[in-house]
Amino acid sequence: MSQKHKAKIQKLFEHPIATNIDEKRLLSALEHYGASVEITKHNKAKILLKDKEFSLVMSHRNSLSKDEVVRLRHFLESVDIVPDKI
C-alpha cells in the first residue's frame, strides 16, 4: 500500500504538471505520511502536517488545477515530504 501513496506524492512533482490527480486519493496518501486532514463545509481540505497548515480548494471535478498542484508542491517541500525522502 505504501507504494501507491508514494506514487501519488511523486505525481505532484512530475514535469509537466499533472492535472489528473485524484484529490481523495492524494489526501489519503498525505494521511499515510502523517497529515491530519479536515474537510470544511466550504469544500476545502485543511491539511495539518508538521505544525504547518495548508488549505486546499476541492474542485467538483475531483482533480487538482495546475495552480493547486504548484501550491501543494511548495507546501510539501517546506515540510520535507518529497519523493527523494519518502
N, C-alpha and C. Protein backbone atom coordinates (compact mmCIF):
# COMPACT_ATOMS: atom_id res chain seq x y z
N MET A 1 0.82 -1.20 0.00
CA MET A 1 0.00 0.00 0.00
C MET A 1 0.86 1.26 0.00
N SER A 2 2.00 1.21 0.63
CA SER A 2 2.86 2.38 0.72
C SER A 2 3.32 2.84 -0.65
N GLN A 3 3.53 1.92 -1.58
CA GLN A 3 3.98 2.27 -2.93
C GLN A 3 2.92 3.11 -3.64
N LYS A 4 1.64 2.82 -3.41
CA LYS A 4 0.58 3.60 -4.03
C LYS A 4 0.60 5.03 -3.50
N HIS A 5 0.83 5.18 -2.19
CA HIS A 5 0.87 6.51 -1.59
C HIS A 5 2.08 7.29 -2.11
N LYS A 6 3.20 6.62 -2.22
CA LYS A 6 4.41 7.27 -2.72
C LYS A 6 4.20 7.72 -4.17
N ALA A 7 3.52 6.91 -4.95
CA ALA A 7 3.27 7.26 -6.35
C ALA A 7 2.42 8.51 -6.47
N LYS A 8 1.45 8.69 -5.56
CA LYS A 8 0.62 9.90 -5.58
C LYS A 8 1.45 11.14 -5.27
N ILE A 9 2.36 11.04 -4.32
CA ILE A 9 3.23 12.17 -3.98
C ILE A 9 4.17 12.46 -5.15
N GLN A 10 4.72 11.42 -5.76
CA GLN A 10 5.62 11.60 -6.89
C GLN A 10 4.93 12.29 -8.05
N LYS A 11 3.66 11.98 -8.24
CA LYS A 11 2.90 12.57 -9.34
C LYS A 11 2.81 14.09 -9.20
N LEU A 12 2.79 14.59 -7.97
CA LEU A 12 2.76 16.04 -7.74
C LEU A 12 4.01 16.74 -8.23
N PHE A 13 5.12 16.01 -8.25
CA PHE A 13 6.41 16.60 -8.59
C PHE A 13 6.82 16.34 -10.04
N GLU A 14 5.94 15.76 -10.85
CA GLU A 14 6.25 15.47 -12.24
C GLU A 14 6.27 16.74 -13.09
N HIS A 15 7.03 16.68 -14.17
CA HIS A 15 7.04 17.76 -15.17
C HIS A 15 6.68 17.14 -16.50
N PRO A 16 5.78 17.64 -17.26
CA PRO A 16 4.91 18.78 -16.98
C PRO A 16 3.94 18.47 -15.85
N ILE A 17 3.34 19.50 -15.31
CA ILE A 17 2.46 19.37 -14.15
C ILE A 17 1.25 18.52 -14.51
N ALA A 18 1.01 17.50 -13.71
CA ALA A 18 -0.13 16.62 -13.91
C ALA A 18 -1.39 17.28 -13.35
N THR A 19 -2.47 17.21 -14.10
CA THR A 19 -3.73 17.78 -13.62
C THR A 19 -4.79 16.71 -13.38
N ASN A 20 -4.43 15.48 -13.54
CA ASN A 20 -5.39 14.40 -13.34
C ASN A 20 -5.14 13.67 -12.01
N ILE A 21 -4.79 14.43 -10.97
CA ILE A 21 -4.52 13.85 -9.66
C ILE A 21 -5.83 13.81 -8.88
N ASP A 22 -6.22 12.63 -8.49
CA ASP A 22 -7.45 12.44 -7.72
C ASP A 22 -7.27 13.00 -6.31
N GLU A 23 -8.10 13.96 -5.94
CA GLU A 23 -7.96 14.64 -4.65
C GLU A 23 -8.11 13.69 -3.47
N LYS A 24 -9.09 12.83 -3.52
CA LYS A 24 -9.36 11.94 -2.38
C LYS A 24 -8.21 10.96 -2.16
N ARG A 25 -7.66 10.43 -3.22
CA ARG A 25 -6.53 9.51 -3.09
C ARG A 25 -5.28 10.25 -2.62
N LEU A 26 -5.12 11.49 -3.07
CA LEU A 26 -4.00 12.29 -2.62
C LEU A 26 -4.10 12.58 -1.13
N LEU A 27 -5.29 12.93 -0.66
CA LEU A 27 -5.48 13.19 0.77
C LEU A 27 -5.21 11.94 1.59
N SER A 28 -5.60 10.80 1.07
CA SER A 28 -5.32 9.53 1.73
C SER A 28 -3.81 9.29 1.83
N ALA A 29 -3.09 9.61 0.77
CA ALA A 29 -1.63 9.45 0.78
C ALA A 29 -0.99 10.39 1.79
N LEU A 30 -1.50 11.63 1.88
CA LEU A 30 -0.96 12.59 2.85
C LEU A 30 -1.21 12.11 4.27
N GLU A 31 -2.38 11.53 4.52
CA GLU A 31 -2.67 10.98 5.84
C GLU A 31 -1.71 9.84 6.17
N HIS A 32 -1.36 9.06 5.16
CA HIS A 32 -0.40 7.97 5.36
C HIS A 32 0.94 8.50 5.85
N TYR A 33 1.32 9.69 5.38
CA TYR A 33 2.60 10.30 5.77
C TYR A 33 2.47 11.22 6.98
N GLY A 34 1.36 11.11 7.71
CA GLY A 34 1.24 11.81 8.98
C GLY A 34 0.41 13.07 9.00
N ALA A 35 -0.23 13.40 7.90
CA ALA A 35 -1.04 14.62 7.85
C ALA A 35 -2.40 14.38 8.50
N SER A 36 -2.90 15.45 9.08
CA SER A 36 -4.26 15.45 9.58
C SER A 36 -5.09 16.24 8.57
N VAL A 37 -6.16 15.65 8.06
CA VAL A 37 -6.96 16.27 7.01
C VAL A 37 -8.38 16.47 7.51
N GLU A 38 -8.87 17.69 7.34
CA GLU A 38 -10.25 18.02 7.72
C GLU A 38 -10.91 18.69 6.53
N ILE A 39 -12.06 18.18 6.12
CA ILE A 39 -12.83 18.78 5.02
C ILE A 39 -13.84 19.75 5.64
N THR A 40 -13.77 21.01 5.22
CA THR A 40 -14.68 22.02 5.77
C THR A 40 -15.98 22.05 4.99
N LYS A 41 -16.96 22.76 5.52
CA LYS A 41 -18.25 22.85 4.83
C LYS A 41 -18.17 23.74 3.59
N HIS A 42 -17.06 24.46 3.42
CA HIS A 42 -16.86 25.31 2.25
C HIS A 42 -16.07 24.59 1.16
N ASN A 43 -16.03 23.26 1.25
CA ASN A 43 -15.37 22.41 0.26
C ASN A 43 -13.86 22.68 0.16
N LYS A 44 -13.24 22.85 1.31
CA LYS A 44 -11.79 22.99 1.38
C LYS A 44 -11.24 21.90 2.28
N ALA A 45 -10.04 21.47 1.97
CA ALA A 45 -9.36 20.48 2.82
C ALA A 45 -8.28 21.21 3.61
N LYS A 46 -8.39 21.17 4.93
CA LYS A 46 -7.35 21.74 5.78
C LYS A 46 -6.37 20.62 6.08
N ILE A 47 -5.13 20.81 5.68
CA ILE A 47 -4.10 19.80 5.86
C ILE A 47 -3.12 20.32 6.89
N LEU A 48 -2.96 19.58 7.98
CA LEU A 48 -2.01 19.94 9.02
C LEU A 48 -0.91 18.88 9.04
N LEU A 49 0.32 19.33 8.82
CA LEU A 49 1.45 18.42 8.74
C LEU A 49 2.68 19.10 9.31
N LYS A 50 3.27 18.49 10.32
CA LYS A 50 4.48 19.02 10.97
C LYS A 50 4.30 20.47 11.40
N ASP A 51 3.19 20.75 12.08
CA ASP A 51 2.86 22.08 12.62
C ASP A 51 2.69 23.16 11.56
N LYS A 52 2.48 22.78 10.32
CA LYS A 52 2.18 23.74 9.26
C LYS A 52 0.82 23.38 8.68
N GLU A 53 0.10 24.41 8.28
CA GLU A 53 -1.25 24.20 7.76
C GLU A 53 -1.33 24.65 6.30
N PHE A 54 -2.09 23.89 5.53
CA PHE A 54 -2.29 24.20 4.13
C PHE A 54 -3.78 24.03 3.82
N SER A 55 -4.33 24.95 3.09
CA SER A 55 -5.74 24.88 2.71
C SER A 55 -5.83 24.57 1.21
N LEU A 56 -6.46 23.48 0.89
CA LEU A 56 -6.60 23.02 -0.49
C LEU A 56 -8.05 23.18 -0.92
N VAL A 57 -8.28 23.91 -1.99
CA VAL A 57 -9.63 24.08 -2.51
C VAL A 57 -9.99 22.84 -3.31
N MET A 58 -11.05 22.19 -2.89
CA MET A 58 -11.50 20.97 -3.55
C MET A 58 -12.39 21.36 -4.74
N SER A 59 -12.14 20.75 -5.89
CA SER A 59 -12.96 21.06 -7.07
C SER A 59 -14.09 20.05 -7.18
N HIS A 60 -15.06 20.39 -7.99
CA HIS A 60 -16.18 19.47 -8.22
C HIS A 60 -15.80 18.39 -9.22
N ARG A 61 -14.70 18.60 -9.94
CA ARG A 61 -14.23 17.60 -10.91
C ARG A 61 -13.40 16.52 -10.23
N ASN A 62 -13.06 16.71 -8.95
CA ASN A 62 -12.26 15.76 -8.18
C ASN A 62 -10.83 15.64 -8.70
N SER A 63 -10.31 16.72 -9.28
CA SER A 63 -8.92 16.75 -9.71
C SER A 63 -8.37 18.15 -9.45
N LEU A 64 -7.07 18.23 -9.29
CA LEU A 64 -6.43 19.49 -8.93
C LEU A 64 -6.08 20.33 -10.16
N SER A 65 -6.15 21.65 -10.00
CA SER A 65 -5.70 22.55 -11.05
C SER A 65 -4.18 22.65 -10.99
N LYS A 66 -3.58 23.21 -12.02
CA LYS A 66 -2.12 23.37 -12.04
C LYS A 66 -1.67 24.27 -10.91
N ASP A 67 -2.42 25.33 -10.65
CA ASP A 67 -2.06 26.25 -9.56
C ASP A 67 -2.08 25.54 -8.20
N GLU A 68 -3.09 24.71 -7.99
CA GLU A 68 -3.18 23.98 -6.72
C GLU A 68 -2.03 22.98 -6.59
N VAL A 69 -1.66 22.34 -7.69
CA VAL A 69 -0.55 21.39 -7.66
C VAL A 69 0.74 22.11 -7.27
N VAL A 70 0.98 23.28 -7.84
CA VAL A 70 2.20 24.04 -7.54
C VAL A 70 2.19 24.48 -6.08
N ARG A 71 1.05 24.99 -5.60
CA ARG A 71 0.96 25.40 -4.19
C ARG A 71 1.21 24.23 -3.25
N LEU A 72 0.61 23.09 -3.56
CA LEU A 72 0.78 21.91 -2.72
C LEU A 72 2.21 21.39 -2.78
N ARG A 73 2.82 21.46 -3.94
CA ARG A 73 4.22 21.06 -4.10
C ARG A 73 5.12 21.89 -3.19
N HIS A 74 4.92 23.19 -3.17
CA HIS A 74 5.72 24.07 -2.31
C HIS A 74 5.49 23.76 -0.83
N PHE A 75 4.25 23.49 -0.48
CA PHE A 75 3.94 23.14 0.91
C PHE A 75 4.66 21.85 1.30
N LEU A 76 4.60 20.84 0.45
CA LEU A 76 5.25 19.56 0.77
C LEU A 76 6.76 19.71 0.85
N GLU A 77 7.33 20.56 0.02
CA GLU A 77 8.77 20.81 0.10
C GLU A 77 9.11 21.47 1.44
N SER A 78 8.25 22.34 1.94
CA SER A 78 8.52 23.04 3.20
C SER A 78 8.44 22.11 4.41
N VAL A 79 7.68 21.00 4.29
CA VAL A 79 7.59 20.04 5.39
C VAL A 79 8.41 18.78 5.11
N ASP A 80 9.23 18.84 4.07
CA ASP A 80 10.19 17.77 3.75
C ASP A 80 9.52 16.46 3.34
N ILE A 81 8.39 16.56 2.65
CA ILE A 81 7.75 15.38 2.07
C ILE A 81 7.96 15.48 0.56
N VAL A 82 9.08 14.96 0.10
CA VAL A 82 9.43 14.99 -1.32
C VAL A 82 9.76 13.57 -1.76
N PRO A 83 9.61 13.26 -3.04
CA PRO A 83 9.82 11.88 -3.49
C PRO A 83 11.17 11.27 -3.09
N ASP A 84 12.22 12.04 -3.06
CA ASP A 84 13.53 11.51 -2.73
C ASP A 84 13.66 11.09 -1.27
N LYS A 85 12.81 11.63 -0.41
CA LYS A 85 12.96 11.40 1.03
C LYS A 85 11.86 10.53 1.63
N ILE A 86 10.94 10.05 0.82
CA ILE A 86 9.87 9.20 1.37
C ILE A 86 10.04 7.78 0.90
